[in-house]
């Protein structure tokens, strides 16, 4: 029996050596740093889409990086550690699009002890009643880029491919391309919007659920509502917006790995989904946070009227930077309204 146990130990150690050399494993020095930083958690996890939105936060006087361990590099991402108004934070830049946002958020929630996920940045605007610089906080997010593209000749009463098995549905609705032609027949027919398949940690492994609209955390939303109508800067140098930008709670935001610079599609997203913020990452952050049972909220400042159509939208290059700064200002104000986590007093690191 003793020889058997020794043999098992040798095999286990051999497997460990193989795993240690495998690609994708967390290197031991990095794992040690993660263990050290997690003992100082939990953290607010902050996801920024790109440098354009990340840098104003890093340059903010509210952000104080840890001196002992300012960051950890892993899997092509840099996870930065510090505090915002005495709240411990870990910040990661996701990169463009749904895949990058999902990967970065999944790494964030798996590697670090979190008390919530905060996502911020700029977005296209689908609501003509709002303007560049306004900061929106949607109650729900949806991925609007998962489709079942119906074959030519099939109608709205025809079952979609694989619909009978529960893989696809006609419940959410469709976009019919023929409505956007100038009279000729359109072979593209229509696309039907689909919910995501999700596998929540609170469910049974490999038993799928479906989600289209993902709600932000109610407690976070209640705190964010205190920021409504906050007036924000309206000028870049001597060029000013018609009114000071404001913070507003809206119903819906939609995301897809598509840059929407088309007024007709913007109008469709507004009429079909009552969407305000239109961008490329937030639904991925929402879906990962939802599946991992982590509270989350999204703060998106409007940088342009998607597809144009207003005089102000033609000045997006001027006010885009203002929108990015406004998203950071509201993020910091939101963090400042959160209660301090018991036992999380920030010390000099």
Protein backbone atom coordinates (compact mmCIF):
# COMPACT_ATOMS: atom_id res chain seq x y z
CA UNK A 1 0.00 0.00 0.00
CA UNK A 2 2.85 2.32 0.88
CA UNK A 3 4.52 1.72 -2.50
CA UNK A 4 1.18 2.41 -4.21
CA UNK A 5 0.81 5.77 -2.44
CA UNK A 6 4.38 6.72 -3.27
CA UNK A 7 3.70 5.80 -6.89
CA UNK A 8 0.61 8.03 -6.93
CA UNK A 9 2.66 10.88 -5.47
CA UNK A 10 5.31 10.47 -8.18
CA UNK A 11 2.62 10.48 -10.88
CA UNK A 12 0.99 13.56 -9.35
CA UNK A 13 4.30 15.39 -9.21
CA UNK A 14 5.04 14.41 -12.82
CA UNK A 15 1.65 15.69 -13.95
CA UNK A 16 2.29 18.89 -12.00
CA UNK A 17 5.57 19.39 -13.84
CA UNK A 18 3.86 18.87 -17.19
CA UNK A 19 1.08 21.30 -16.30
CA UNK A 20 3.62 23.87 -15.09
CA UNK A 21 5.12 23.94 -18.58
CA UNK A 22 1.78 23.99 -20.38
CA UNK A 23 0.67 27.05 -22.26
CA UNK A 24 -2.09 29.00 -20.54
CA UNK A 25 -1.21 28.10 -17.00
CA UNK A 26 -0.79 30.95 -14.54
CA UNK A 27 2.99 31.18 -13.87
CA UNK A 28 3.91 30.64 -10.24
CA UNK A 29 5.24 34.21 -9.72
CA UNK A 30 1.99 35.64 -11.11
CA UNK A 31 -0.09 33.23 -9.01
CA UNK A 32 1.81 34.37 -5.93
CA UNK A 33 1.07 38.03 -6.77
CA UNK A 34 -2.61 37.23 -7.31
CA UNK A 35 -2.75 35.47 -3.94
CA UNK A 36 -1.07 38.45 -2.27
CA UNK A 37 -3.42 41.01 -3.80
CA UNK A 38 -6.56 38.96 -3.11
CA UNK A 39 -5.74 38.96 0.60
CA UNK A 40 -6.24 42.72 0.38
CA UNK A 41 -9.62 42.44 -1.33
CA UNK A 42 -12.39 42.41 -2.16
CA UNK A 43 -12.13 44.90 -5.00
CA UNK A 44 -14.38 46.81 -7.31
CA UNK A 45 -13.52 45.44 -10.75
CA UNK A 46 -13.45 48.19 -13.39
CA UNK A 47 -13.51 47.41 -17.12
CA UNK A 48 -12.53 50.13 -19.62
CA UNK A 49 -12.92 49.48 -23.38
CA UNK A 50 -9.68 51.08 -24.61
CA UNK A 51 -6.92 53.59 -23.86
CA UNK A 52 -9.12 56.49 -24.96
CA UNK A 53 -11.34 55.82 -21.96
CA UNK A 54 -8.76 54.23 -19.66
CA UNK A 55 -6.22 57.06 -19.60
CA UNK A 56 -8.55 59.73 -18.16
CA UNK A 57 -9.21 57.40 -15.21
CA UNK A 58 -5.52 56.65 -14.65
CA UNK A 59 -4.78 60.38 -14.85
CA UNK A 60 -7.56 61.26 -12.43
CA UNK A 61 -6.54 62.58 -9.03
CA UNK A 62 -9.10 60.21 -7.54
CA UNK A 63 -7.12 57.15 -8.61
CA UNK A 64 -4.18 56.17 -6.40
CA UNK A 65 -2.16 53.17 -7.64
CA UNK A 66 -0.62 50.69 -5.24
CA UNK A 67 3.11 51.31 -4.98
CA UNK A 68 4.09 47.79 -3.94
CA UNK A 69 2.13 46.05 -6.72
CA UNK A 70 0.73 48.55 -9.24
CA UNK A 71 -0.20 45.87 -11.81
CA UNK A 72 -0.09 42.25 -12.91
CA UNK A 73 0.35 41.27 -16.57
CA UNK A 74 -1.44 38.07 -17.57
CA UNK A 75 -3.04 36.65 -20.72
CA UNK A 76 -2.33 39.78 -22.73
CA UNK A 77 -4.03 42.00 -20.15
CA UNK A 78 -2.70 44.40 -17.54
CA UNK A 79 -4.62 44.36 -14.27
CA UNK A 80 -3.95 47.58 -12.35
CA UNK A 81 -4.45 47.88 -8.60
CA UNK A 82 -5.13 50.93 -6.50
CA UNK A 83 -7.91 52.86 -4.87
CA UNK A 84 -10.57 55.38 -5.84
CA UNK A 85 -11.85 57.46 -2.93
CA UNK A 86 -10.62 54.77 -0.49
CA UNK A 87 -12.31 51.94 -2.37
CA UNK A 88 -9.95 49.20 -3.54
CA UNK A 89 -10.12 48.72 -7.31
CA UNK A 90 -8.65 46.49 -9.99
CA UNK A 91 -8.78 47.98 -13.48
CA UNK A 92 -8.47 46.18 -16.80
CA UNK A 93 -8.69 47.42 -20.38
CA UNK A 94 -10.71 44.99 -22.49
CA UNK A 95 -10.03 46.05 -26.06
CA UNK A 96 -12.56 46.45 -28.85
CA UNK A 97 -15.62 44.26 -29.25
CA UNK A 98 -17.68 41.59 -27.52
CA UNK A 99 -15.05 38.83 -27.46
CA UNK A 100 -12.36 41.01 -25.89
CA UNK A 101 -14.82 42.36 -23.33
CA UNK A 102 -16.05 38.87 -22.40
CA UNK A 103 -12.53 37.43 -22.06
CA UNK A 104 -11.31 40.36 -19.96
CA UNK A 105 -14.35 40.28 -17.67
CA UNK A 106 -14.14 36.50 -17.23
CA UNK A 107 -10.46 36.77 -16.28
CA UNK A 108 -11.26 39.61 -13.90
CA UNK A 109 -13.96 37.74 -11.99
CA UNK A 110 -12.06 34.44 -11.95
CA UNK A 111 -8.69 35.79 -10.84
CA UNK A 112 -9.66 38.38 -8.24
CA UNK A 113 -11.95 38.76 -5.24
CA UNK A 114 -14.59 41.21 -6.37
CA UNK A 115 -17.56 42.92 -4.77
CA UNK A 116 -18.86 44.18 -8.11
CA UNK A 117 -18.03 45.02 -11.72
CA UNK A 118 -18.18 48.59 -13.03
CA UNK A 119 -17.97 49.18 -16.77
CA UNK A 120 -17.71 52.62 -18.34
CA UNK A 121 -16.83 54.38 -21.57
CA UNK A 122 -18.40 56.18 -24.52
CA UNK A 123 -21.25 55.04 -26.79
CA UNK A 124 -23.22 55.97 -29.84
CA UNK A 125 -26.58 57.57 -29.17
CA UNK A 126 -29.91 56.36 -30.58
CA UNK A 127 -32.13 58.88 -28.76
CA UNK A 128 -32.42 62.20 -30.59
CA UNK A 129 -33.63 63.83 -27.36
CA UNK A 130 -30.21 63.41 -25.77
CA UNK A 131 -26.94 65.02 -26.85
CA UNK A 132 -23.23 64.39 -27.00
CA UNK A 133 -21.70 64.36 -23.53
CA UNK A 134 -24.81 63.10 -21.73
CA UNK A 135 -24.01 60.11 -19.53
CA UNK A 136 -26.46 57.22 -19.68
CA UNK A 137 -26.92 54.40 -17.16
CA UNK A 138 -29.16 51.75 -18.78
CA UNK A 139 -31.30 49.46 -16.66
CA UNK A 140 -30.87 46.56 -19.09
CA UNK A 141 -28.34 45.44 -21.67
CA UNK A 142 -28.72 43.09 -24.62
CA UNK A 143 -26.42 41.62 -27.22
CA UNK A 144 -28.03 42.69 -30.49
CA UNK A 145 -25.57 40.84 -32.71
CA UNK A 146 -26.72 37.23 -32.26
CA UNK A 147 -29.00 36.42 -35.20
CA UNK A 148 -30.73 33.65 -37.08
CA UNK A 149 -30.53 34.80 -40.70
CA UNK A 150 -33.66 33.49 -42.39
CA UNK A 151 -33.38 31.97 -45.85
CA UNK A 152 -34.77 33.81 -48.86
CA UNK A 153 -38.45 33.10 -49.51
CA UNK A 154 -39.37 32.15 -45.93
CA UNK A 155 -41.90 34.36 -44.13
CA UNK A 156 -42.48 35.47 -40.58
CA UNK A 157 -44.81 32.51 -39.97
CA UNK A 158 -42.23 29.97 -41.12
CA UNK A 159 -40.20 28.20 -38.46
CA UNK A 160 -36.54 29.17 -38.34
CA UNK A 161 -33.77 26.66 -38.94
CA UNK A 162 -33.22 24.66 -35.71
CA UNK A 163 -36.03 26.52 -33.97
CA UNK A 164 -37.91 23.31 -33.23
CA UNK A 165 -35.08 22.05 -31.01
CA UNK A 166 -35.06 25.17 -28.90
CA UNK A 167 -31.84 26.58 -30.31
CA UNK A 168 -33.52 29.62 -31.86
CA UNK A 169 -36.68 31.66 -31.37
CA UNK A 170 -38.92 34.23 -33.06
CA UNK A 171 -40.03 35.77 -29.77
CA UNK A 172 -37.68 38.78 -29.76
CA UNK A 173 -38.33 40.00 -33.27
CA UNK A 174 -36.60 40.68 -36.56
CA UNK A 175 -35.12 43.21 -38.95
CA UNK A 176 -36.48 42.93 -42.50
CA UNK A 177 -34.01 44.17 -45.08
CA UNK A 178 -36.68 44.61 -47.75
CA UNK A 179 -38.00 47.60 -45.80
CA UNK A 180 -34.72 49.38 -46.54
CA UNK A 181 -34.55 48.92 -50.32
CA UNK A 182 -35.62 51.23 -53.11
CA UNK A 183 -38.08 48.88 -54.73
CA UNK A 184 -35.95 45.96 -55.97
CA UNK A 185 -36.23 42.46 -54.47
CA UNK A 186 -33.91 41.89 -51.50
CA UNK A 187 -32.31 38.46 -51.26
CA UNK A 188 -31.12 39.11 -47.70
CA UNK A 189 -34.68 38.54 -46.39
CA UNK A 190 -34.59 39.13 -42.59
CA UNK A 191 -32.61 38.48 -39.43
CA UNK A 192 -34.21 37.36 -36.17
CA UNK A 193 -32.63 38.54 -32.92
CA UNK A 194 -31.66 35.77 -30.54
CA UNK A 195 -31.02 35.48 -26.79
CA UNK A 196 -27.66 34.28 -25.56
CA UNK A 197 -27.16 30.79 -24.22
CA UNK A 198 -25.84 31.19 -20.69
CA UNK A 199 -24.62 28.80 -18.02
CA UNK A 200 -24.95 30.55 -14.64
CA UNK A 201 -22.77 29.46 -11.73
CA UNK A 202 -26.00 29.17 -9.73
CA UNK A 203 -27.41 26.65 -12.23
CA UNK A 204 -26.52 23.14 -13.31
CA UNK A 205 -23.32 22.77 -15.39
CA UNK A 206 -23.99 22.26 -19.10
CA UNK A 207 -27.70 22.98 -18.65
CA UNK A 208 -28.29 26.11 -20.69
CA UNK A 209 -30.53 29.03 -19.97
CA UNK A 210 -31.39 31.91 -22.30
CA UNK A 211 -31.05 35.63 -21.72
CA UNK A 212 -31.63 38.62 -23.96
CA UNK A 213 -32.17 41.57 -21.62
CA UNK A 214 -29.73 41.44 -18.70
CA UNK A 215 -30.61 43.74 -15.77
CA UNK A 216 -27.94 45.71 -13.96
CA UNK A 217 -27.71 45.30 -10.21
CA UNK A 218 -30.71 46.95 -8.49
CA UNK A 219 -28.65 48.22 -5.55
CA UNK A 220 -26.05 49.78 -7.85
CA UNK A 221 -28.82 51.31 -9.96
CA UNK A 222 -30.46 52.81 -6.89
CA UNK A 223 -27.16 54.46 -5.94
CA UNK A 224 -26.61 55.64 -9.51
CA UNK A 225 -30.03 57.27 -9.55
CA UNK A 226 -28.70 59.79 -7.03
CA UNK A 227 -26.46 61.10 -9.80
CA UNK A 228 -29.32 61.85 -12.18
CA UNK A 229 -29.33 65.36 -13.58
CA UNK A 230 -25.77 65.95 -12.37
CA UNK A 231 -24.45 68.75 -14.56
CA UNK A 232 -21.16 68.08 -16.30
CA UNK A 233 -18.69 70.25 -18.25
CA UNK A 234 -20.02 71.36 -21.65
CA UNK A 235 -17.05 73.06 -23.34
CA UNK A 236 -13.85 71.98 -25.03
CA UNK A 237 -11.65 75.06 -25.03
CA UNK A 238 -13.98 77.72 -26.49
CA UNK A 239 -16.37 75.32 -28.26
CA UNK A 240 -19.43 74.51 -26.16
CA UNK A 241 -22.43 72.21 -26.33
CA UNK A 242 -25.90 73.84 -26.33
CA UNK A 243 -26.45 72.80 -22.71
CA UNK A 244 -24.43 71.18 -19.92
CA UNK A 245 -24.40 67.38 -20.28
CA UNK A 246 -26.38 65.47 -17.67
CA UNK A 247 -26.58 62.00 -16.12
CA UNK A 248 -29.73 60.07 -16.92
CA UNK A 249 -31.07 56.59 -16.19
CA UNK A 250 -32.39 55.02 -19.41
CA UNK A 251 -34.17 51.78 -20.20
CA UNK A 252 -31.94 49.92 -22.62
CA UNK A 253 -28.48 49.71 -24.10
CA UNK A 254 -27.46 47.33 -26.88
CA UNK A 255 -24.07 45.96 -27.88
CA UNK A 256 -22.67 44.06 -30.86
CA UNK A 257 -19.28 43.80 -32.52
CA UNK A 258 -20.50 46.30 -35.08
CA UNK A 259 -19.73 50.02 -35.26
CA UNK A 260 -23.09 51.64 -36.01
CA UNK A 261 -22.69 54.70 -38.23
CA UNK A 262 -26.03 54.31 -39.97
CA UNK A 263 -29.06 56.46 -39.21
CA UNK A 264 -31.61 53.91 -40.47
CA UNK A 265 -30.27 51.15 -38.21
CA UNK A 266 -30.02 53.60 -35.31
CA UNK A 267 -33.69 54.46 -35.79
CA UNK A 268 -34.59 50.77 -35.94
CA UNK A 269 -32.73 50.00 -32.69
CA UNK A 270 -34.53 52.88 -31.01
CA UNK A 271 -38.00 51.90 -32.24
CA UNK A 272 -37.58 48.14 -31.81
CA UNK A 273 -35.67 47.98 -28.52
CA UNK A 274 -36.05 51.47 -27.04
CA UNK A 275 -32.25 51.57 -27.01
CA UNK A 276 -30.27 54.65 -26.09
CA UNK A 277 -26.62 53.63 -25.80
CA UNK A 278 -25.33 51.69 -28.81
CA UNK A 279 -21.82 50.27 -28.58
CA UNK A 280 -19.62 47.17 -28.72
CA UNK A 281 -18.74 45.79 -25.27
CA UNK A 282 -21.21 46.39 -22.44
CA UNK A 283 -23.53 43.44 -23.09
CA UNK A 284 -20.55 41.10 -22.89
CA UNK A 285 -19.58 42.53 -19.50
CA UNK A 286 -23.22 42.22 -18.44
CA UNK A 287 -23.58 38.61 -19.59
CA UNK A 288 -20.37 37.45 -17.88
CA UNK A 289 -21.20 39.28 -14.64
CA UNK A 290 -24.74 37.88 -14.71
CA UNK A 291 -23.53 34.32 -15.26
CA UNK A 292 -20.94 34.67 -12.49
CA UNK A 293 -23.53 36.16 -10.11
CA UNK A 294 -21.48 39.36 -9.66
CA UNK A 295 -23.27 42.72 -9.24
CA UNK A 296 -22.55 45.07 -12.15
CA UNK A 297 -23.48 48.42 -13.64
CA UNK A 298 -22.57 50.22 -16.87
CA UNK A 299 -21.91 53.93 -17.33
CA UNK A 300 -21.74 55.15 -20.93
CA UNK A 301 -21.32 58.74 -22.10
CA UNK A 302 -22.77 59.57 -25.52
CA UNK A 303 -20.10 60.56 -28.02
CA UNK A 304 -22.23 61.01 -31.17
CA UNK A 305 -25.66 60.51 -32.70
CA UNK A 306 -25.12 57.16 -34.42
CA UNK A 307 -25.30 57.71 -38.17
CA UNK A 308 -25.36 61.49 -37.86
CA UNK A 309 -28.28 63.76 -38.58
CA UNK A 310 -27.68 66.71 -36.26
CA UNK A 311 -25.28 69.64 -36.30
CA UNK A 312 -23.83 68.54 -32.97
CA UNK A 313 -23.16 65.03 -34.24
CA UNK A 314 -20.85 66.52 -36.84
CA UNK A 315 -18.67 67.77 -33.98
CA UNK A 316 -18.10 64.34 -32.42
CA UNK A 317 -14.35 64.63 -33.04
CA UNK A 318 -14.36 67.73 -30.86
CA UNK A 319 -16.56 66.48 -28.04
CA UNK A 320 -15.59 62.80 -28.04
CA UNK A 321 -12.83 63.46 -25.53
CA UNK A 322 -15.30 65.38 -23.35
CA UNK A 323 -17.63 62.36 -23.39
CA UNK A 324 -14.78 60.08 -22.28
CA UNK A 325 -13.89 62.41 -19.41
CA UNK A 326 -17.56 62.68 -18.42
CA UNK A 327 -17.85 58.90 -18.20
CA UNK A 328 -14.85 58.85 -15.85
CA UNK A 329 -16.24 61.71 -13.74
CA UNK A 330 -19.54 59.88 -13.26
CA UNK A 331 -17.75 56.61 -12.51
CA UNK A 332 -15.73 58.30 -9.78
CA UNK A 333 -18.82 59.99 -8.36
CA UNK A 334 -20.61 56.62 -8.33
CA UNK A 335 -17.75 54.96 -6.48
CA UNK A 336 -17.79 57.81 -3.98
CA UNK A 337 -21.44 57.07 -3.17
CA UNK A 338 -20.78 53.41 -2.38
CA UNK A 339 -20.47 52.49 1.31
CA UNK A 340 -17.04 51.47 2.45
CA UNK A 341 -16.60 47.70 2.59
CA UNK A 342 -16.17 46.57 6.18
CA UNK A 343 -12.52 45.81 6.88
CA UNK A 344 -11.38 47.30 3.57
CA UNK A 345 -9.67 50.43 4.87
CA UNK A 346 -7.02 51.28 2.32
CA UNK A 347 -3.51 51.32 3.65
CA UNK A 348 -0.32 52.48 2.03
CA UNK A 349 0.70 49.58 -0.20
